Amino acid sequence: MSSIELLSHIEPLGAGASYAQQIFDLVGRSPFFAEFERDDIELLAAYMTIYNAQPGQAMIREGDEGDFMLLIISGAVDIFKYNTQGERQLMTSVGPGMTLGEMSMIDGEPRFATCIATDAIVFAVLTRDAMANIILEKPSLGAKLLIKLVTMLSQRLRQTSARLLQTMERAPLAF
């Protein structure tokens, strides 16, 4: 299923180029855009599509296929994960400037968690195909994006590993 089909229940607002200024305004609040210049944002926005979701709408569902990532422009999103008993647990909440879905965009594996709008949100979508086009057509921007994605995912893995180690140190060993 393509990203267009997965987002068919979400209202499209149009091309990302018309939202370049709103995306650029996130630079100071978004770790993703820390090293991006205005020209980088304008180029990147041209490869994105903008959507609007209402409170309670899911943009990403755990287990679904995914070939896109989201950039939250305005509003807030809750991220849920189902535990082994099938209960939905809140992992975190994120707001403007945060990105979601990078892992599935890169590796093509099913979505790890469910992302639901907590209030009306506007978000940009970058698909895997658009990312490939950026790499081919704008190699310096593509390199900057890839380095940022790899760095961000590496940081998340380190944080998760540290939390796992803390949990293991507190839990008694079972034999």
Protein backbone atom coordinates (compact mmCIF):
# COMPACT_ATOMS: atom_id res chain seq x y z
CA MET A 1 0.00 0.00 0.00
CA SER A 2 1.42 3.41 -0.94
CA SER A 3 1.67 6.43 1.32
CA ILE A 4 -1.20 8.05 -0.59
CA GLU A 5 -3.49 5.10 0.21
CA LEU A 6 -2.39 5.02 3.87
CA LEU A 7 -3.21 8.72 4.24
CA SER A 8 -6.45 8.63 2.21
CA HIS A 9 -8.49 9.40 5.36
CA ILE A 10 -6.45 12.58 6.03
CA GLU A 11 -7.18 15.91 4.33
CA PRO A 12 -4.42 16.96 1.90
CA LEU A 13 -3.62 20.68 1.93
CA GLY A 14 -1.27 20.77 -1.04
CA ALA A 15 2.36 21.05 -1.99
CA GLY A 16 4.98 21.61 0.65
CA ALA A 17 6.55 24.57 -1.14
CA SER A 18 3.70 26.82 0.04
CA TYR A 19 4.54 25.86 3.65
CA ALA A 20 8.31 26.49 3.41
CA GLN A 21 8.13 29.51 5.74
CA GLN A 22 6.19 27.59 8.42
CA ILE A 23 8.73 24.77 8.18
CA PHE A 24 11.63 27.25 8.35
CA ASP A 25 10.07 28.77 11.49
CA LEU A 26 10.56 25.36 13.18
CA VAL A 27 14.34 25.48 12.76
CA GLY A 28 15.02 26.80 16.27
CA ARG A 29 12.63 24.29 17.89
CA SER A 30 13.41 21.19 15.86
CA PRO A 31 16.53 19.10 16.39
CA PHE A 32 15.99 17.69 12.90
CA PHE A 33 16.61 21.07 11.26
CA ALA A 34 19.50 22.26 13.43
CA GLU A 35 21.99 22.56 10.53
CA PHE A 36 19.54 23.50 7.77
CA GLU A 37 19.64 26.86 5.99
CA ARG A 38 16.60 28.61 4.48
CA ASP A 39 17.57 27.36 1.00
CA ASP A 40 17.71 23.77 2.30
CA ILE A 41 14.21 24.09 3.76
CA GLU A 42 12.82 25.58 0.56
CA LEU A 43 14.32 22.73 -1.49
CA LEU A 44 13.11 20.08 0.97
CA ALA A 45 9.59 21.55 1.17
CA ALA A 46 9.24 21.22 -2.60
CA TYR A 47 9.48 17.42 -2.18
CA MET A 48 6.85 17.28 0.57
CA THR A 49 3.05 17.18 0.70
CA ILE A 50 1.10 18.89 3.47
CA TYR A 51 -1.85 17.34 5.32
CA ASN A 52 -4.33 18.36 8.01
CA ALA A 53 -5.59 15.84 10.58
CA GLN A 54 -8.36 16.26 13.14
CA PRO A 55 -8.20 15.22 16.80
CA GLY A 56 -8.38 11.45 17.13
CA GLN A 57 -7.22 10.71 13.59
CA ALA A 58 -4.29 8.30 13.20
CA MET A 59 -1.58 9.27 10.74
CA ILE A 60 0.48 6.14 11.41
CA ARG A 61 -0.82 2.81 12.72
CA GLU A 62 1.35 0.21 14.43
CA GLY A 63 1.97 -2.74 12.11
CA ASP A 64 1.03 -0.90 8.90
CA GLU A 65 3.42 -0.67 6.00
CA GLY A 66 5.09 2.69 5.69
CA ASP A 67 7.21 4.46 3.14
CA PHE A 68 6.98 7.99 4.52
CA MET A 69 7.90 10.14 7.48
CA LEU A 70 6.00 13.05 9.00
CA LEU A 71 7.11 16.47 10.17
CA ILE A 72 4.67 18.07 12.60
CA ILE A 73 4.20 21.73 11.62
CA SER A 74 1.48 22.61 14.14
CA GLY A 75 -0.51 20.75 16.77
CA ALA A 76 0.30 17.75 18.92
CA VAL A 77 0.47 13.98 18.44
CA ASP A 78 0.32 11.14 20.96
CA ILE A 79 2.42 8.07 20.22
CA PHE A 80 1.06 4.74 21.44
CA LYS A 81 2.45 1.21 21.49
CA TYR A 82 0.46 -1.96 22.13
CA ASN A 83 1.88 -4.12 24.93
CA THR A 84 1.93 -7.93 24.99
CA GLN A 85 -1.59 -7.97 26.50
CA GLY A 86 -2.88 -5.92 23.56
CA GLU A 87 -3.39 -2.79 25.65
CA ARG A 88 -2.54 0.58 24.12
CA GLN A 89 0.07 2.46 26.18
CA LEU A 90 1.09 6.07 25.71
CA MET A 91 4.81 6.28 24.96
CA THR A 92 5.14 10.04 24.49
CA SER A 93 3.57 13.15 23.01
CA VAL A 94 5.24 15.37 20.42
CA GLY A 95 4.61 18.76 18.88
CA PRO A 96 5.81 21.09 16.13
CA GLY A 97 9.23 20.35 14.69
CA MET A 98 9.23 16.68 15.60
CA THR A 99 9.50 13.93 13.01
CA LEU A 100 7.72 10.57 13.07
CA GLY A 101 8.02 7.41 11.01
CA GLU A 102 11.65 7.70 9.94
CA MET A 103 12.48 4.06 10.67
CA SER A 104 9.82 2.64 8.34
CA MET A 105 10.61 5.20 5.65
CA ILE A 106 14.22 4.01 5.69
CA ASP A 107 13.92 0.26 6.25
CA GLY A 108 10.45 -0.51 4.88
CA GLU A 109 9.51 -2.51 8.00
CA PRO A 110 6.03 -2.23 9.55
CA ARG A 111 5.28 0.77 11.75
CA PHE A 112 6.52 0.47 15.32
CA ALA A 113 3.81 2.57 16.97
CA THR A 114 0.53 4.39 16.39
CA CYS A 115 0.50 8.19 16.06
CA ILE A 116 -2.80 9.96 16.79
CA ALA A 117 -3.57 13.68 16.57
CA THR A 118 -4.47 15.08 19.98
CA ASP A 119 -5.68 18.32 18.43
CA ALA A 120 -5.95 19.61 14.86
CA ILE A 121 -2.53 19.24 13.30
CA VAL A 122 -0.79 20.23 10.11
CA PHE A 123 2.06 17.98 9.01
CA ALA A 124 4.37 17.49 6.07
CA VAL A 125 5.02 14.10 4.50
CA LEU A 126 8.29 13.03 2.92
CA THR A 127 8.04 9.71 1.07
CA ARG A 128 10.85 7.26 0.40
CA ASP A 129 10.51 8.01 -3.34
CA ALA A 130 10.82 11.75 -2.68
CA MET A 131 13.89 11.08 -0.52
CA ALA A 132 15.43 9.06 -3.36
CA ASN A 133 14.71 11.94 -5.76
CA ILE A 134 16.35 14.43 -3.40
CA ILE A 135 19.47 12.23 -3.26
CA LEU A 136 19.61 12.07 -7.06
CA GLU A 137 18.58 15.65 -7.87
CA LYS A 138 20.02 17.59 -4.90
CA PRO A 139 22.89 15.43 -3.58
CA SER A 140 24.16 17.93 -0.98
CA LEU A 141 20.68 18.22 0.55
CA GLY A 142 20.28 14.44 0.32
CA ALA A 143 23.55 13.91 2.16
CA LYS A 144 22.52 16.41 4.86
CA LEU A 145 19.15 14.64 5.28
CA LEU A 146 20.73 11.19 5.47
CA ILE A 147 23.32 12.30 8.01
CA LYS A 148 20.59 13.91 10.13
CA LEU A 149 18.39 10.79 9.95
CA VAL A 150 21.24 8.43 10.83
CA THR A 151 22.37 10.67 13.70
CA MET A 152 18.84 10.97 15.07
CA LEU A 153 18.19 7.23 14.87
CA SER A 154 21.56 6.51 16.48
CA GLN A 155 20.73 8.86 19.36
CA ARG A 156 17.37 7.18 19.86
CA LEU A 157 19.01 3.76 19.89
CA ARG A 158 21.54 4.92 22.50
CA GLN A 159 18.73 6.34 24.69
CA THR A 160 16.71 3.14 24.37
CA SER A 161 19.76 1.01 25.17
CA ALA A 162 20.48 3.10 28.27
CA ARG A 163 16.86 2.71 29.45
CA LEU A 164 17.01 -1.02 28.82
CA LEU A 165 20.20 -1.32 30.83
CA GLN A 166 18.63 0.61 33.73
CA THR A 167 15.60 -1.69 33.63
CA MET A 168 17.80 -4.78 33.57
CA GLU A 169 19.84 -3.52 36.54
CA ARG A 170 16.67 -3.00 38.62
CA ALA A 171 15.01 -6.28 37.68
CA PRO A 172 16.07 -9.46 39.46
CA LEU A 173 17.48 -12.16 37.26
CA ALA A 174 15.15 -15.10 36.72
CA PHE A 175 16.56 -18.54 36.12
